[in-house]
Amino acid sequence: MKGKKKNYKSKLQKNNASQAQISEGNGKITLEELRNCEGFANVSDTEGLELIDSLYKLSLIAFNYKAKQ
């Protein structure tokens, strides 16, 4: 008997799934894409760029950690 597959996508992933694109070939989202995410519509350019850089670094840490397992 097969169980139902659960969809573990977050609300953010569901809302922005069609918008997800790699920007400028560097793997980071753009300020526009960040501002399209719930709760980030009013971030300044400086704050947005810092958030994008931090998210990118976090994704590299998570990727490298998982790759070692």
PDB file of N, CA and C in Angstrom:
ATOM      1  N   MET A   1       0.837  -1.169   0.000  1.00  0.00           N
ATOM      2  CA  MET A   1       0.000   0.000   0.000  1.00  0.00           C
ATOM      3  C   MET A   1       0.888   1.240   0.000  1.00  0.00           C
ATOM      4  N   LYS A   2       0.658   2.110  -0.931  1.00  0.00           N
ATOM      5  CA  LYS A   2       1.447   3.329  -1.041  1.00  0.00           C
ATOM      6  C   LYS A   2       0.796   4.441  -0.235  1.00  0.00           C
ATOM      7  N   GLY A   3       1.635   5.184   0.488  1.00  0.00           N
ATOM      8  CA  GLY A   3       1.141   6.333   1.241  1.00  0.00           C
ATOM      9  C   GLY A   3       1.156   7.576   0.368  1.00  0.00           C
ATOM     10  N   LYS A   4       0.441   8.544   0.809  1.00  0.00           N
ATOM     11  CA  LYS A   4       0.426   9.802   0.075  1.00  0.00           C
ATOM     12  C   LYS A   4       1.749  10.517   0.259  1.00  0.00           C
ATOM     13  N   LYS A   5       2.249  11.087  -0.799  1.00  0.00           N
ATOM     14  CA  LYS A   5       3.452  11.899  -0.702  1.00  0.00           C
ATOM     15  C   LYS A   5       3.062  13.255  -0.147  1.00  0.00           C
ATOM     16  N   LYS A   6       3.801  13.694   0.840  1.00  0.00           N
ATOM     17  CA  LYS A   6       3.512  14.992   1.430  1.00  0.00           C
ATOM     18  C   LYS A   6       4.305  16.065   0.710  1.00  0.00           C
ATOM     19  N   ASN A   7       3.701  17.203   0.585  1.00  0.00           N
ATOM     20  CA  ASN A   7       4.358  18.343  -0.031  1.00  0.00           C
ATOM     21  C   ASN A   7       4.913  19.219   1.084  1.00  0.00           C
ATOM     22  N   TYR A   8       6.247  19.237   1.208  1.00  0.00           N
ATOM     23  CA  TYR A   8       6.884  19.954   2.296  1.00  0.00           C
ATOM     24  C   TYR A   8       7.341  21.356   1.887  1.00  0.00           C
ATOM     25  N   LYS A   9       6.869  21.846   0.785  1.00  0.00           N
ATOM     26  CA  LYS A   9       7.261  23.190   0.359  1.00  0.00           C
ATOM     27  C   LYS A   9       6.709  24.220   1.328  1.00  0.00           C
ATOM     28  N   SER A  10       7.533  25.177   1.631  1.00  0.00           N
ATOM     29  CA  SER A  10       7.100  26.254   2.511  1.00  0.00           C
ATOM     30  C   SER A  10       6.158  27.185   1.760  1.00  0.00           C
ATOM     31  N   LYS A  11       5.512  28.042   2.516  1.00  0.00           N
ATOM     32  CA  LYS A  11       4.623  29.040   1.916  1.00  0.00           C
ATOM     33  C   LYS A  11       5.404  29.915   0.941  1.00  0.00           C
ATOM     34  N   LEU A  12       6.628  30.263   1.315  1.00  0.00           N
ATOM     35  CA  LEU A  12       7.469  31.090   0.466  1.00  0.00           C
ATOM     36  C   LEU A  12       7.784  30.368  -0.844  1.00  0.00           C
ATOM     37  N   GLN A  13       8.131  29.093  -0.772  1.00  0.00           N
ATOM     38  CA  GLN A  13       8.436  28.336  -1.976  1.00  0.00           C
ATOM     39  C   GLN A  13       7.213  28.205  -2.877  1.00  0.00           C
ATOM     40  N   LYS A  14       6.062  27.985  -2.293  1.00  0.00           N
ATOM     41  CA  LYS A  14       4.839  27.858  -3.080  1.00  0.00           C
ATOM     42  C   LYS A  14       4.505  29.159  -3.796  1.00  0.00           C
ATOM     43  N   ASN A  15       4.655  30.280  -3.100  1.00  0.00           N
ATOM     44  CA  ASN A  15       4.315  31.568  -3.681  1.00  0.00           C
ATOM     45  C   ASN A  15       5.292  32.008  -4.758  1.00  0.00           C
ATOM     46  N   ASN A  16       6.526  31.605  -4.659  1.00  0.00           N
ATOM     47  CA  ASN A  16       7.548  32.103  -5.563  1.00  0.00           C
ATOM     48  C   ASN A  16       8.153  31.029  -6.462  1.00  0.00           C
ATOM     49  N   ALA A  17       7.532  29.855  -6.513  1.00  0.00           N
ATOM     50  CA  ALA A  17       8.091  28.761  -7.300  1.00  0.00           C
ATOM     51  C   ALA A  17       8.242  29.133  -8.770  1.00  0.00           C
ATOM     52  N   SER A  18       7.280  29.839  -9.312  1.00  0.00           N
ATOM     53  CA  SER A  18       7.350  30.204 -10.723  1.00  0.00           C
ATOM     54  C   SER A  18       8.336  31.344 -10.963  1.00  0.00           C
ATOM     55  N   GLN A  19       8.723  32.062  -9.911  1.00  0.00           N
ATOM     56  CA  GLN A  19       9.617  33.198 -10.052  1.00  0.00           C
ATOM     57  C   GLN A  19      11.078  32.829  -9.795  1.00  0.00           C
ATOM     58  N   ALA A  20      11.322  31.632  -9.279  1.00  0.00           N
ATOM     59  CA  ALA A  20      12.685  31.257  -8.903  1.00  0.00           C
ATOM     60  C   ALA A  20      13.567  31.145 -10.137  1.00  0.00           C
ATOM     61  N   GLN A  21      14.573  31.971 -10.183  1.00  0.00           N
ATOM     62  CA  GLN A  21      15.527  31.966 -11.282  1.00  0.00           C
ATOM     63  C   GLN A  21      16.894  32.313 -10.727  1.00  0.00           C
ATOM     64  N   ILE A  22      17.915  31.747 -11.329  1.00  0.00           N
ATOM     65  CA  ILE A  22      19.266  32.126 -10.938  1.00  0.00           C
ATOM     66  C   ILE A  22      19.597  33.408 -11.673  1.00  0.00           C
ATOM     67  N   SER A  23      20.039  34.394 -10.924  1.00  0.00           N
ATOM     68  CA  SER A  23      20.276  35.715 -11.469  1.00  0.00           C
ATOM     69  C   SER A  23      21.736  35.912 -11.833  1.00  0.00           C
ATOM     70  N   GLU A  24      21.983  36.401 -13.002  1.00  0.00           N
ATOM     71  CA  GLU A  24      23.312  36.772 -13.456  1.00  0.00           C
ATOM     72  C   GLU A  24      24.330  35.638 -13.343  1.00  0.00           C
ATOM     73  N   GLY A  25      23.872  34.401 -13.302  1.00  0.00           N
ATOM     74  CA  GLY A  25      24.769  33.264 -13.280  1.00  0.00           C
ATOM     75  C   GLY A  25      25.559  33.092 -11.991  1.00  0.00           C
ATOM     76  N   ASN A  26      25.239  33.850 -10.930  1.00  0.00           N
ATOM     77  CA  ASN A  26      26.003  33.718  -9.698  1.00  0.00           C
ATOM     78  C   ASN A  26      25.254  32.965  -8.607  1.00  0.00           C
ATOM     79  N   GLY A  27      24.043  32.522  -8.857  1.00  0.00           N
ATOM     80  CA  GLY A  27      23.285  31.750  -7.894  1.00  0.00           C
ATOM     81  C   GLY A  27      22.566  32.574  -6.847  1.00  0.00           C
ATOM     82  N   LYS A  28      22.639  33.879  -6.927  1.00  0.00           N
ATOM     83  CA  LYS A  28      21.982  34.738  -5.950  1.00  0.00           C
ATOM     84  C   LYS A  28      20.701  35.305  -6.542  1.00  0.00           C
ATOM     85  N   ILE A  29      19.730  35.552  -5.655  1.00  0.00           N
ATOM     86  CA  ILE A  29      18.504  36.190  -6.114  1.00  0.00           C
ATOM     87  C   ILE A  29      18.750  37.694  -6.253  1.00  0.00           C
ATOM     88  N   THR A  30      17.876  38.355  -6.956  1.00  0.00           N
ATOM     89  CA  THR A  30      17.987  39.803  -7.135  1.00  0.00           C
ATOM     90  C   THR A  30      17.206  40.522  -6.035  1.00  0.00           C
ATOM     91  N   LEU A  31      17.433  41.827  -5.918  1.00  0.00           N
ATOM     92  CA  LEU A  31      16.655  42.635  -4.976  1.00  0.00           C
ATOM     93  C   LEU A  31      15.173  42.549  -5.294  1.00  0.00           C
ATOM     94  N   GLU A  32      14.829  42.577  -6.553  1.00  0.00           N
ATOM     95  CA  GLU A  32      13.425  42.484  -6.962  1.00  0.00           C
ATOM     96  C   GLU A  32      12.812  41.162  -6.499  1.00  0.00           C
ATOM     97  N   GLU A  33      13.539  40.062  -6.678  1.00  0.00           N
ATOM     98  CA  GLU A  33      13.034  38.759  -6.248  1.00  0.00           C
ATOM     99  C   GLU A  33      12.893  38.704  -4.726  1.00  0.00           C
ATOM    100  N   LEU A  34      13.844  39.294  -4.010  1.00  0.00           N
ATOM    101  CA  LEU A  34      13.761  39.346  -2.552  1.00  0.00           C
ATOM    102  C   LEU A  34      12.535  40.136  -2.115  1.00  0.00           C
ATOM    103  N   ARG A  35      12.311  41.260  -2.752  1.00  0.00           N
ATOM    104  CA  ARG A  35      11.176  42.118  -2.388  1.00  0.00           C
ATOM    105  C   ARG A  35       9.828  41.484  -2.737  1.00  0.00           C
ATOM    106  N   ASN A  36       9.823  40.508  -3.625  1.00  0.00           N
ATOM    107  CA  ASN A  36       8.594  39.785  -3.942  1.00  0.00           C
ATOM    108  C   ASN A  36       8.238  38.763  -2.868  1.00  0.00           C
ATOM    109  N   CYS A  37       9.175  38.480  -1.970  1.00  0.00           N
ATOM    110  CA  CYS A  37       8.934  37.529  -0.889  1.00  0.00           C
ATOM    111  C   CYS A  37       8.206  38.218   0.257  1.00  0.00           C
ATOM    112  N   GLU A  38       7.282  37.502   0.849  1.00  0.00           N
ATOM    113  CA  GLU A  38       6.485  38.043   1.946  1.00  0.00           C
ATOM    114  C   GLU A  38       7.389  38.537   3.073  1.00  0.00           C
ATOM    115  N   GLY A  39       7.168  39.764   3.500  1.00  0.00           N
ATOM    116  CA  GLY A  39       7.911  40.340   4.598  1.00  0.00           C
ATOM    117  C   GLY A  39       9.145  41.135   4.197  1.00  0.00           C
ATOM    118  N   PHE A  40       9.480  41.131   2.909  1.00  0.00           N
ATOM    119  CA  PHE A  40      10.688  41.814   2.457  1.00  0.00           C
ATOM    120  C   PHE A  40      10.415  42.917   1.447  1.00  0.00           C
ATOM    121  N   ALA A  41       9.179  43.303   1.304  1.00  0.00           N
ATOM    122  CA  ALA A  41       8.790  44.281   0.290  1.00  0.00           C
ATOM    123  C   ALA A  41       9.421  45.652   0.508  1.00  0.00           C
ATOM    124  N   ASN A  42       9.697  46.011   1.738  1.00  0.00           N
ATOM    125  CA  ASN A  42      10.170  47.367   2.032  1.00  0.00           C
ATOM    126  C   ASN A  42      11.624  47.443   2.483  1.00  0.00           C
ATOM    127  N   VAL A  43      12.431  46.428   2.201  1.00  0.00           N
ATOM    128  CA  VAL A  43      13.833  46.486   2.619  1.00  0.00           C
ATOM    129  C   VAL A  43      14.586  47.482   1.740  1.00  0.00           C
ATOM    130  N   SER A  44      15.561  48.146   2.338  1.00  0.00           N
ATOM    131  CA  SER A  44      16.387  49.083   1.576  1.00  0.00           C
ATOM    132  C   SER A  44      17.330  48.294   0.670  1.00  0.00           C
ATOM    133  N   ASP A  45      17.929  48.977  -0.292  1.00  0.00           N
ATOM    134  CA  ASP A  45      18.883  48.324  -1.187  1.00  0.00           C
ATOM    135  C   ASP A  45      20.043  47.725  -0.406  1.00  0.00           C
ATOM    136  N   THR A  46      20.593  48.503   0.535  1.00  0.00           N
ATOM    137  CA  THR A  46      21.737  48.033   1.319  1.00  0.00           C
ATOM    138  C   THR A  46      21.378  46.820   2.158  1.00  0.00           C
ATOM    139  N   GLU A  47      20.261  46.907   2.868  1.00  0.00           N
ATOM    140  CA  GLU A  47      19.819  45.792   3.702  1.00  0.00           C
ATOM    141  C   GLU A  47      19.504  44.563   2.845  1.00  0.00           C
ATOM    142  N   GLY A  48      18.862  44.777   1.713  1.00  0.00           N
ATOM    143  CA  GLY A  48      18.537  43.669   0.810  1.00  0.00           C
ATOM    144  C   GLY A  48      19.770  42.961   0.294  1.00  0.00           C
ATOM    145  N   LEU A  49      20.777  43.737  -0.102  1.00  0.00           N
ATOM    146  CA  LEU A  49      22.010  43.132  -0.605  1.00  0.00           C
ATOM    147  C   LEU A  49      22.732  42.352   0.494  1.00  0.00           C
ATOM    148  N   GLU A  50      22.694  42.861   1.717  1.00  0.00           N
ATOM    149  CA  GLU A  50      23.288  42.134   2.838  1.00  0.00           C
ATOM    150  C   GLU A  50      22.540  40.835   3.107  1.00  0.00           C
ATOM    151  N   LEU A  51      21.215  40.885   3.048  1.00  0.00           N
ATOM    152  CA  LEU A  51      20.408  39.681   3.236  1.00  0.00           C
ATOM    153  C   LEU A  51      20.692  38.648   2.145  1.00  0.00           C
ATOM    154  N   ILE A  52      20.772  39.104   0.917  1.00  0.00           N
ATOM    155  CA  ILE A  52      21.039  38.197  -0.203  1.00  0.00           C
ATOM    156  C   ILE A  52      22.396  37.534  -0.034  1.00  0.00           C
ATOM    157  N   ASP A  53      23.400  38.311   0.342  1.00  0.00           N
ATOM    158  CA  ASP A  53      24.739  37.760   0.541  1.00  0.00           C
ATOM    159  C   ASP A  53      24.751  36.748   1.692  1.00  0.00           C
ATOM    160  N   SER A  54      24.055  37.070   2.783  1.00  0.00           N
ATOM    161  CA  SER A  54      23.993  36.157   3.927  1.00  0.00           C
ATOM    162  C   SER A  54      23.276  34.858   3.565  1.00  0.00           C
ATOM    163  N   LEU A  55      22.182  34.964   2.823  1.00  0.00           N
ATOM    164  CA  LEU A  55      21.462  33.766   2.388  1.00  0.00           C
ATOM    165  C   LEU A  55      22.316  32.899   1.481  1.00  0.00           C
ATOM    166  N   TYR A  56      23.080  33.536   0.615  1.00  0.00           N
ATOM    167  CA  TYR A  56      23.958  32.799  -0.286  1.00  0.00           C
ATOM    168  C   TYR A  56      25.033  32.049   0.513  1.00  0.00           C
ATOM    169  N   LYS A  57      25.631  32.737   1.476  1.00  0.00           N
ATOM    170  CA  LYS A  57      26.664  32.091   2.306  1.00  0.00           C
ATOM    171  C   LYS A  57      26.076  30.931   3.102  1.00  0.00           C
ATOM    172  N   LEU A  58      24.884  31.131   3.649  1.00  0.00           N
ATOM    173  CA  LEU A  58      24.222  30.064   4.394  1.00  0.00           C
ATOM    174  C   LEU A  58      23.935  28.868   3.500  1.00  0.00           C
ATOM    175  N   SER A  59      23.513  29.128   2.270  1.00  0.00           N
ATOM    176  CA  SER A  59      23.233  28.022   1.352  1.00  0.00           C
ATOM    177  C   SER A  59      24.497  27.241   1.019  1.00  0.00           C
ATOM    178  N   LEU A  60      25.636  27.932   0.902  1.00  0.00           N
ATOM    179  CA  LEU A  60      26.906  27.243   0.655  1.00  0.00           C
ATOM    180  C   LEU A  60      27.311  26.379   1.843  1.00  0.00           C
ATOM    181  N   ILE A  61      27.119  26.895   3.052  1.00  0.00           N
ATOM    182  CA  ILE A  61      27.433  26.118   4.252  1.00  0.00           C
ATOM    183  C   ILE A  61      26.573  24.862   4.306  1.00  0.00           C
ATOM    184  N   ALA A  62      25.271  25.015   4.078  1.00  0.00           N
ATOM    185  CA  ALA A  62      24.354  23.874   4.110  1.00  0.00           C
ATOM    186  C   ALA A  62      24.692  22.862   3.015  1.00  0.00           C
ATOM    187  N   PHE A  63      24.994  23.355   1.823  1.00  0.00           N
ATOM    188  CA  PHE A  63      25.343  22.467   0.719  1.00  0.00           C
ATOM    189  C   PHE A  63      26.609  21.675   1.028  1.00  0.00           C
ATOM    190  N   ASN A  64      27.640  22.364   1.509  1.00  0.00           N
ATOM    191  CA  ASN A  64      28.906  21.697   1.821  1.00  0.00           C
ATOM    192  C   ASN A  64      28.751  20.700   2.959  1.00  0.00           C
ATOM    193  N   TYR A  65      27.945  21.040   3.952  1.00  0.00           N
ATOM    194  CA  TYR A  65      27.689  20.129   5.057  1.00  0.00           C
ATOM    195  C   TYR A  65      27.011  18.861   4.541  1.00  0.00           C
ATOM    196  N   LYS A  66      25.978  19.028   3.737  1.00  0.00           N
ATOM    197  CA  LYS A  66      25.239  17.886   3.206  1.00  0.00           C
ATOM    198  C   LYS A  66      26.108  17.045   2.266  1.00  0.00           C
ATOM    199  N   ALA A  67      26.980  17.704   1.503  1.00  0.00           N
ATOM    200  CA  ALA A  67      27.835  16.979   0.558  1.00  0.00           C
ATOM    201  C   ALA A  67      28.845  16.077   1.281  1.00  0.00           C
ATOM    202  N   LYS A  68      29.218  16.455   2.493  1.00  0.00           N
ATOM    203  CA  LYS A  68      30.182  15.661   3.267  1.00  0.00           C
ATOM    204  C   LYS A  68      29.556  14.428   3.893  1.00  0.00           C
ATOM    205  N   GLN A  69      28.243  14.400   3.997  1.00  0.00           N
ATOM    206  CA  GLN A  69      27.566  13.260   4.626  1.00  0.00           C
ATOM    207  C   GLN A  69      27.456  12.087   3.698  1.00  0.00           C
TER     208      GLN A  69
END
